[in-house]
Amino acid sequence: MNTRAINMQKRRDRILTEARRVIAEHGYDALNTRDLAKAAGVTAPTLYNLIGNKDQILVALFLEAVERVEERLTPFENARPLDMAEAIVVQSAELFAGDENYYKAAIIAGDRMGRNPVQTQAADLINARSSEMAAKACRAAQAEGLLRGNISASAMGEQMYVCYRVPFRDWAFGLVDLDEFARIALRGFYMCLASDAVDTFRQQLLTKLQKLNEASFQKAG
């Protein structure tokens, strides 16, 4: 990477860092590209050239969040398949816990955004990359003979992402806390995997499900 490219990346990083701060402290509606450019030490035209308009900044932040989860999953690439799958939920929950206000505000803003072609393309990319995280764990489970292979790893990964995305949005809107988000998402993961698991692996998953339910019952009590 040459000096010009490095400087462009530094400016882009400053813009996104400042955008995260504004969203966390004041919400997405308070984000103003002119003020954002000034705070990041760049001109407004530079901001547009490096990232784009306000909605494109939010898309960039979403993609950055996916990359951060992917980075956290790197140490689990050679782990046991079930550990790989569980890490998706556990590691992302830990990431969100570090800045709950920002992530909640960003998700709510994304939910309100219009579905123009740029945002639709970005959403498809985010969904695909998120589903692929789970699909990797499924392929590893198939390779180890834990899954029968009657359901493709990609299809199972997509369904596991659905099981993740629903409680994730519930958390963003304040309907559940992070612990409950993780519990619901893990329950969905276990049930998806159990649908194609060999007997020994299914029993392991059922035991995991029982422990989740017991923990939920104790918390409610």
C-alpha atoms as a PDB file:
ATOM      1  CA  MET A   1       0.000   0.000   0.000  1.00  0.00           C
ATOM      2  CA  ASN A   2       1.525   3.327  -1.054  1.00  0.00           C
ATOM      3  CA  THR A   3       1.611   6.502   1.039  1.00  0.00           C
ATOM      4  CA  ARG A   4      -1.435   8.014  -0.678  1.00  0.00           C
ATOM      5  CA  ALA A   5      -3.526   4.908  -0.069  1.00  0.00           C
ATOM      6  CA  ILE A   6      -2.408   4.763   3.574  1.00  0.00           C
ATOM      7  CA  ASN A   7      -3.401   8.390   4.124  1.00  0.00           C
ATOM      8  CA  MET A   8      -6.773   7.811   2.477  1.00  0.00           C
ATOM      9  CA  GLN A   9      -7.395   4.837   4.767  1.00  0.00           C
ATOM     10  CA  LYS A  10      -6.445   6.900   7.821  1.00  0.00           C
ATOM     11  CA  ARG A  11      -8.900   9.628   6.830  1.00  0.00           C
ATOM     12  CA  ARG A  12     -11.602   7.049   6.205  1.00  0.00           C
ATOM     13  CA  ASP A  13     -10.952   5.478   9.611  1.00  0.00           C
ATOM     14  CA  ARG A  14     -11.207   8.899  11.294  1.00  0.00           C
ATOM     15  CA  ILE A  15     -14.537   9.535   9.608  1.00  0.00           C
ATOM     16  CA  LEU A  16     -15.976   6.189  10.738  1.00  0.00           C
ATOM     17  CA  THR A  17     -14.599   6.586  14.265  1.00  0.00           C
ATOM     18  CA  GLU A  18     -16.256   9.975  14.571  1.00  0.00           C
ATOM     19  CA  ALA A  19     -19.487   8.624  13.070  1.00  0.00           C
ATOM     20  CA  ARG A  20     -19.553   5.850  15.669  1.00  0.00           C
ATOM     21  CA  ARG A  21     -19.108   8.406  18.445  1.00  0.00           C
ATOM     22  CA  VAL A  22     -21.950  10.608  17.205  1.00  0.00           C
ATOM     23  CA  ILE A  23     -24.326   7.680  16.758  1.00  0.00           C
ATOM     24  CA  ALA A  24     -23.490   6.251  20.194  1.00  0.00           C
ATOM     25  CA  GLU A  25     -23.934   9.579  21.974  1.00  0.00           C
ATOM     26  CA  HIS A  26     -26.752  11.203  20.036  1.00  0.00           C
ATOM     27  CA  GLY A  27     -28.270   8.651  17.638  1.00  0.00           C
ATOM     28  CA  TYR A  28     -28.179   8.352  13.874  1.00  0.00           C
ATOM     29  CA  ASP A  29     -30.457  11.357  13.294  1.00  0.00           C
ATOM     30  CA  ALA A  30     -27.775  13.607  14.789  1.00  0.00           C
ATOM     31  CA  LEU A  31     -25.238  12.504  12.176  1.00  0.00           C
ATOM     32  CA  ASN A  32     -24.504  15.406   9.820  1.00  0.00           C
ATOM     33  CA  THR A  33     -21.964  14.952   7.033  1.00  0.00           C
ATOM     34  CA  ARG A  34     -20.748  18.558   7.188  1.00  0.00           C
ATOM     35  CA  ASP A  35     -20.116  18.420  10.943  1.00  0.00           C
ATOM     36  CA  LEU A  36     -18.727  14.905  10.600  1.00  0.00           C
ATOM     37  CA  ALA A  37     -16.196  16.026   7.990  1.00  0.00           C
ATOM     38  CA  LYS A  38     -15.074  18.905  10.229  1.00  0.00           C
ATOM     39  CA  ALA A  39     -14.698  16.655  13.278  1.00  0.00           C
ATOM     40  CA  ALA A  40     -12.703  14.113  11.239  1.00  0.00           C
ATOM     41  CA  GLY A  41     -10.424  16.816   9.854  1.00  0.00           C
ATOM     42  CA  VAL A  42     -11.423  16.394   6.211  1.00  0.00           C
ATOM     43  CA  THR A  43     -13.415  18.411   3.711  1.00  0.00           C
ATOM     44  CA  ALA A  44     -16.993  17.506   2.843  1.00  0.00           C
ATOM     45  CA  PRO A  45     -16.020  16.517  -0.739  1.00  0.00           C
ATOM     46  CA  THR A  46     -13.303  14.240   0.680  1.00  0.00           C
ATOM     47  CA  LEU A  47     -15.840  12.563   2.950  1.00  0.00           C
ATOM     48  CA  TYR A  48     -18.150  11.894  -0.008  1.00  0.00           C
ATOM     49  CA  ASN A  49     -15.271  10.618  -2.138  1.00  0.00           C
ATOM     50  CA  LEU A  50     -13.999   8.265   0.557  1.00  0.00           C
ATOM     51  CA  ILE A  51     -17.339   6.866   1.764  1.00  0.00           C
ATOM     52  CA  GLY A  52     -20.411   8.633   0.420  1.00  0.00           C
ATOM     53  CA  ASN A  53     -23.552  10.108   1.910  1.00  0.00           C
ATOM     54  CA  LYS A  54     -25.030   9.592   5.362  1.00  0.00           C
ATOM     55  CA  ASP A  55     -26.683   6.264   4.548  1.00  0.00           C
ATOM     56  CA  GLN A  56     -23.526   4.953   2.893  1.00  0.00           C
ATOM     57  CA  ILE A  57     -21.614   5.817   6.061  1.00  0.00           C
ATOM     58  CA  LEU A  58     -24.028   3.626   8.015  1.00  0.00           C
ATOM     59  CA  VAL A  59     -23.558   0.793   5.497  1.00  0.00           C
ATOM     60  CA  ALA A  60     -19.781   1.128   5.908  1.00  0.00           C
ATOM     61  CA  LEU A  61     -20.200   0.877   9.677  1.00  0.00           C
ATOM     62  CA  PHE A  62     -22.301  -2.285   9.316  1.00  0.00           C
ATOM     63  CA  LEU A  63     -19.657  -3.896   7.106  1.00  0.00           C
ATOM     64  CA  GLU A  64     -17.004  -2.869   9.618  1.00  0.00           C
ATOM     65  CA  ALA A  65     -18.980  -4.588  12.393  1.00  0.00           C
ATOM     66  CA  VAL A  66     -19.141  -7.807  10.362  1.00  0.00           C
ATOM     67  CA  GLU A  67     -15.373  -7.609   9.834  1.00  0.00           C
ATOM     68  CA  ARG A  68     -14.848  -7.178  13.565  1.00  0.00           C
ATOM     69  CA  VAL A  69     -16.881 -10.315  14.290  1.00  0.00           C
ATOM     70  CA  GLU A  70     -14.936 -12.196  11.610  1.00  0.00           C
ATOM     71  CA  GLU A  71     -11.658 -11.106  13.218  1.00  0.00           C
ATOM     72  CA  ARG A  72     -12.861 -12.365  16.587  1.00  0.00           C
ATOM     73  CA  LEU A  73     -13.670 -15.739  15.008  1.00  0.00           C
ATOM     74  CA  THR A  74     -10.201 -16.210  13.521  1.00  0.00           C
ATOM     75  CA  PRO A  75      -8.849 -18.054  16.620  1.00  0.00           C
ATOM     76  CA  PHE A  76     -11.743 -20.544  16.306  1.00  0.00           C
ATOM     77  CA  GLU A  77     -11.084 -21.562  12.690  1.00  0.00           C
ATOM     78  CA  ASN A  78      -9.501 -24.855  13.787  1.00  0.00           C
ATOM     79  CA  ALA A  79     -11.707 -25.394  16.819  1.00  0.00           C
ATOM     80  CA  ARG A  80     -14.331 -28.104  17.180  1.00  0.00           C
ATOM     81  CA  PRO A  81     -17.360 -27.438  14.940  1.00  0.00           C
ATOM     82  CA  LEU A  82     -19.708 -26.748  17.844  1.00  0.00           C
ATOM     83  CA  ASP A  83     -17.203 -24.348  19.417  1.00  0.00           C
ATOM     84  CA  MET A  84     -16.975 -22.557  16.064  1.00  0.00           C
ATOM     85  CA  ALA A  85     -20.746 -22.165  15.907  1.00  0.00           C
ATOM     86  CA  GLU A  86     -21.085 -21.016  19.508  1.00  0.00           C
ATOM     87  CA  ALA A  87     -18.286 -18.484  19.038  1.00  0.00           C
ATOM     88  CA  ILE A  88     -20.367 -16.623  16.458  1.00  0.00           C
ATOM     89  CA  VAL A  89     -22.897 -15.768  19.144  1.00  0.00           C
ATOM     90  CA  VAL A  90     -20.540 -15.404  22.102  1.00  0.00           C
ATOM     91  CA  GLN A  91     -17.925 -13.281  20.346  1.00  0.00           C
ATOM     92  CA  SER A  92     -20.437 -10.970  18.690  1.00  0.00           C
ATOM     93  CA  ALA A  93     -22.288 -10.493  22.001  1.00  0.00           C
ATOM     94  CA  GLU A  94     -18.987  -9.519  23.642  1.00  0.00           C
ATOM     95  CA  LEU A  95     -18.325  -7.060  20.810  1.00  0.00           C
ATOM     96  CA  PHE A  96     -21.763  -5.463  21.194  1.00  0.00           C
ATOM     97  CA  ALA A  97     -21.368  -5.292  24.974  1.00  0.00           C
ATOM     98  CA  GLY A  98     -18.392  -2.986  24.474  1.00  0.00           C
ATOM     99  CA  ASP A  99     -20.590  -0.269  22.951  1.00  0.00           C
ATOM    100  CA  GLU A 100     -24.258  -1.146  23.302  1.00  0.00           C
ATOM    101  CA  ASN A 101     -25.541   2.376  22.673  1.00  0.00           C
ATOM    102  CA  TYR A 102     -23.774   2.604  19.324  1.00  0.00           C
ATOM    103  CA  TYR A 103     -24.764  -0.805  18.016  1.00  0.00           C
ATOM    104  CA  LYS A 104     -28.385  -0.416  19.098  1.00  0.00           C
ATOM    105  CA  ALA A 105     -28.671   3.012  17.476  1.00  0.00           C
ATOM    106  CA  ALA A 106     -27.021   1.770  14.279  1.00  0.00           C
ATOM    107  CA  ILE A 107     -29.334  -1.239  13.968  1.00  0.00           C
ATOM    108  CA  ILE A 108     -32.432   0.879  14.574  1.00  0.00           C
ATOM    109  CA  ALA A 109     -31.240   3.376  11.966  1.00  0.00           C
ATOM    110  CA  GLY A 110     -30.612   0.577   9.488  1.00  0.00           C
ATOM    111  CA  ASP A 111     -34.109  -0.712  10.076  1.00  0.00           C
ATOM    112  CA  ARG A 112     -35.516   2.703   9.149  1.00  0.00           C
ATOM    113  CA  MET A 113     -33.418   3.210   6.033  1.00  0.00           C
ATOM    114  CA  GLY A 114     -35.036   3.043   2.642  1.00  0.00           C
ATOM    115  CA  ARG A 115     -34.180   0.097   0.431  1.00  0.00           C
ATOM    116  CA  ASN A 116     -32.424   1.770  -2.459  1.00  0.00           C
ATOM    117  CA  PRO A 117     -30.152  -0.342  -4.719  1.00  0.00           C
ATOM    118  CA  VAL A 118     -26.967   0.518  -2.814  1.00  0.00           C
ATOM    119  CA  GLN A 119     -28.435  -0.420   0.563  1.00  0.00           C
ATOM    120  CA  THR A 120     -30.060  -3.560  -0.823  1.00  0.00           C
ATOM    121  CA  GLN A 121     -26.745  -4.684  -2.269  1.00  0.00           C
ATOM    122  CA  ALA A 122     -24.992  -3.963   1.024  1.00  0.00           C
ATOM    123  CA  ALA A 123     -27.652  -5.844   3.005  1.00  0.00           C
ATOM    124  CA  ASP A 124     -27.293  -8.856   0.706  1.00  0.00           C
ATOM    125  CA  LEU A 125     -23.529  -8.808   1.221  1.00  0.00           C
ATOM    126  CA  ILE A 126     -23.846  -8.561   4.994  1.00  0.00           C
ATOM    127  CA  ASN A 127     -26.382 -11.397   5.057  1.00  0.00           C
ATOM    128  CA  ALA A 128     -24.180 -13.575   2.861  1.00  0.00           C
ATOM    129  CA  ARG A 129     -21.059 -12.994   4.944  1.00  0.00           C
ATOM    130  CA  SER A 130     -22.929 -13.557   8.201  1.00  0.00           C
ATOM    131  CA  SER A 131     -24.509 -16.771   6.909  1.00  0.00           C
ATOM    132  CA  GLU A 132     -21.100 -17.964   5.729  1.00  0.00           C
ATOM    133  CA  MET A 133     -19.755 -17.760   9.279  1.00  0.00           C
ATOM    134  CA  ALA A 134     -22.292 -20.370  10.367  1.00  0.00           C
ATOM    135  CA  ALA A 135     -21.905 -22.392   7.162  1.00  0.00           C
ATOM    136  CA  LYS A 136     -18.184 -22.856   7.917  1.00  0.00           C
ATOM    137  CA  ALA A 137     -19.057 -24.524  11.207  1.00  0.00           C
ATOM    138  CA  CYS A 138     -21.589 -26.734   9.427  1.00  0.00           C
ATOM    139  CA  ARG A 139     -19.061 -27.812   6.807  1.00  0.00           C
ATOM    140  CA  ALA A 140     -16.593 -28.668   9.573  1.00  0.00           C
ATOM    141  CA  ALA A 141     -19.299 -30.701  11.340  1.00  0.00           C
ATOM    142  CA  GLN A 142     -20.062 -32.562   8.119  1.00  0.00           C
ATOM    143  CA  ALA A 143     -16.365 -33.284   7.588  1.00  0.00           C
ATOM    144  CA  GLU A 144     -16.143 -34.784  11.076  1.00  0.00           C
ATOM    145  CA  GLY A 145     -19.257 -36.889  10.543  1.00  0.00           C
ATOM    146  CA  LEU A 146     -21.316 -34.984  13.095  1.00  0.00           C
ATOM    147  CA  LEU A 147     -23.890 -33.936  10.506  1.00  0.00           C
ATOM    148  CA  ARG A 148     -25.386 -36.352   8.007  1.00  0.00           C
ATOM    149  CA  GLY A 149     -25.177 -33.957   5.086  1.00  0.00           C
ATOM    150  CA  ASN A 150     -28.862 -34.254   4.165  1.00  0.00           C
ATOM    151  CA  ILE A 151     -29.068 -30.466   4.465  1.00  0.00           C
ATOM    152  CA  SER A 152     -26.439 -28.384   2.694  1.00  0.00           C
ATOM    153  CA  ALA A 153     -24.057 -26.389   4.872  1.00  0.00           C
ATOM    154  CA  SER A 154     -24.987 -23.181   3.058  1.00  0.00           C
ATOM    155  CA  ALA A 155     -28.729 -23.701   3.640  1.00  0.00           C
ATOM    156  CA  MET A 156     -28.161 -24.509   7.291  1.00  0.00           C
ATOM    157  CA  GLY A 157     -25.907 -21.468   7.648  1.00  0.00           C
ATOM    158  CA  GLU A 158     -28.621 -19.235   6.235  1.00  0.00           C
ATOM    159  CA  GLN A 159     -31.181 -20.608   8.680  1.00  0.00           C
ATOM    160  CA  MET A 160     -28.788 -20.246  11.589  1.00  0.00           C
ATOM    161  CA  TYR A 161     -28.288 -16.607  10.650  1.00  0.00           C
ATOM    162  CA  VAL A 162     -32.069 -16.120  10.756  1.00  0.00           C
ATOM    163  CA  CYS A 163     -32.027 -17.598  14.276  1.00  0.00           C
ATOM    164  CA  TYR A 164     -29.350 -15.043  15.129  1.00  0.00           C
ATOM    165  CA  ARG A 165     -30.826 -12.013  13.398  1.00  0.00           C
ATOM    166  CA  VAL A 166     -34.270 -12.094  15.035  1.00  0.00           C
ATOM    167  CA  PRO A 167     -33.117 -11.884  18.690  1.00  0.00           C
ATOM    168  CA  PHE A 168     -30.383  -9.465  17.586  1.00  0.00           C
ATOM    169  CA  ARG A 169     -33.033  -7.005  16.406  1.00  0.00           C
ATOM    170  CA  ASP A 170     -35.050  -7.653  19.567  1.00  0.00           C
ATOM    171  CA  TRP A 171     -31.986  -6.664  21.599  1.00  0.00           C
ATOM    172  CA  ALA A 172     -31.459  -3.512  19.507  1.00  0.00           C
ATOM    173  CA  PHE A 173     -35.040  -2.435  20.182  1.00  0.00           C
ATOM    174  CA  GLY A 174     -34.746  -3.143  23.910  1.00  0.00           C
ATOM    175  CA  LEU A 175     -37.007  -6.204  24.006  1.00  0.00           C
ATOM    176  CA  VAL A 176     -34.304  -8.502  25.411  1.00  0.00           C
ATOM    177  CA  ASP A 177     -30.897  -8.012  27.003  1.00  0.00           C
ATOM    178  CA  LEU A 178     -27.638  -9.336  25.575  1.00  0.00           C
ATOM    179  CA  ASP A 179     -27.742 -12.510  27.664  1.00  0.00           C
ATOM    180  CA  GLU A 180     -31.204 -13.338  26.359  1.00  0.00           C
ATOM    181  CA  PHE A 181     -30.129 -12.532  22.801  1.00  0.00           C
ATOM    182  CA  ALA A 182     -27.264 -15.013  23.153  1.00  0.00           C
ATOM    183  CA  ARG A 183     -29.505 -17.661  24.702  1.00  0.00           C
ATOM    184  CA  ILE A 184     -32.139 -17.429  21.964  1.00  0.00           C
ATOM    185  CA  ALA A 185     -29.548 -17.377  19.189  1.00  0.00           C
ATOM    186  CA  LEU A 186     -27.691 -20.386  20.618  1.00  0.00           C
ATOM    187  CA  ARG A 187     -30.960 -22.265  21.014  1.00  0.00           C
ATOM    188  CA  GLY A 188     -31.687 -21.651  17.340  1.00  0.00           C
ATOM    189  CA  PHE A 189     -28.200 -22.812  16.374  1.00  0.00           C
ATOM    190  CA  TYR A 190     -28.531 -26.032  18.369  1.00  0.00           C
ATOM    191  CA  MET A 191     -31.936 -26.810  16.905  1.00  0.00           C
ATOM    192  CA  CYS A 192     -30.715 -26.203  13.353  1.00  0.00           C
ATOM    193  CA  LEU A 193     -27.720 -28.471  13.852  1.00  0.00           C
ATOM    194  CA  ALA A 194     -29.865 -31.134  15.553  1.00  0.00           C
ATOM    195  CA  SER A 195     -32.085 -31.335  12.473  1.00  0.00           C
ATOM    196  CA  ASP A 196     -29.258 -33.058  10.569  1.00  0.00           C
ATOM    197  CA  ALA A 197     -27.095 -34.429  13.383  1.00  0.00           C
ATOM    198  CA  VAL A 198     -26.045 -38.036  13.896  1.00  0.00           C
ATOM    199  CA  ASP A 199     -27.375 -39.584  17.095  1.00  0.00           C
ATOM    200  CA  THR A 200     -24.387 -38.873  19.346  1.00  0.00           C
ATOM    201  CA  PHE A 201     -24.104 -35.259  18.224  1.00  0.00           C
ATOM    202  CA  ARG A 202     -27.857 -34.745  18.515  1.00  0.00           C
ATOM    203  CA  GLN A 203     -27.735 -35.926  22.123  1.00  0.00           C
ATOM    204  CA  GLN A 204     -24.950 -33.440  22.824  1.00  0.00           C
ATOM    205  CA  LEU A 205     -27.063 -30.669  21.314  1.00  0.00           C
ATOM    206  CA  LEU A 206     -30.139 -31.703  23.292  1.00  0.00           C
ATOM    207  CA  THR A 207     -28.083 -31.547  26.486  1.00  0.00           C
ATOM    208  CA  LYS A 208     -26.972 -28.046  25.540  1.00  0.00           C
ATOM    209  CA  LEU A 209     -30.589 -27.053  24.918  1.00  0.00           C
ATOM    210  CA  GLN A 210     -31.661 -28.401  28.290  1.00  0.00           C
ATOM    211  CA  LYS A 211     -28.961 -26.380  30.063  1.00  0.00           C
ATOM    212  CA  LEU A 212     -30.050 -23.230  28.234  1.00  0.00           C
ATOM    213  CA  ASN A 213     -33.651 -23.772  29.274  1.00  0.00           C
ATOM    214  CA  GLU A 214     -32.630 -24.416  32.894  1.00  0.00           C
ATOM    215  CA  ALA A 215     -30.551 -21.239  32.942  1.00  0.00           C
ATOM    216  CA  SER A 216     -33.471 -19.260  31.534  1.00  0.00           C
ATOM    217  CA  PHE A 217     -35.854 -20.716  34.128  1.00  0.00           C
ATOM    218  CA  GLN A 218     -33.469 -19.858  36.990  1.00  0.00           C
ATOM    219  CA  LYS A 219     -33.067 -16.301  35.704  1.00  0.00           C
ATOM    220  CA  ALA A 220     -36.832 -15.854  35.429  1.00  0.00           C
ATOM    221  CA  GLY A 221     -37.259 -17.194  38.954  1.00  0.00           C
END
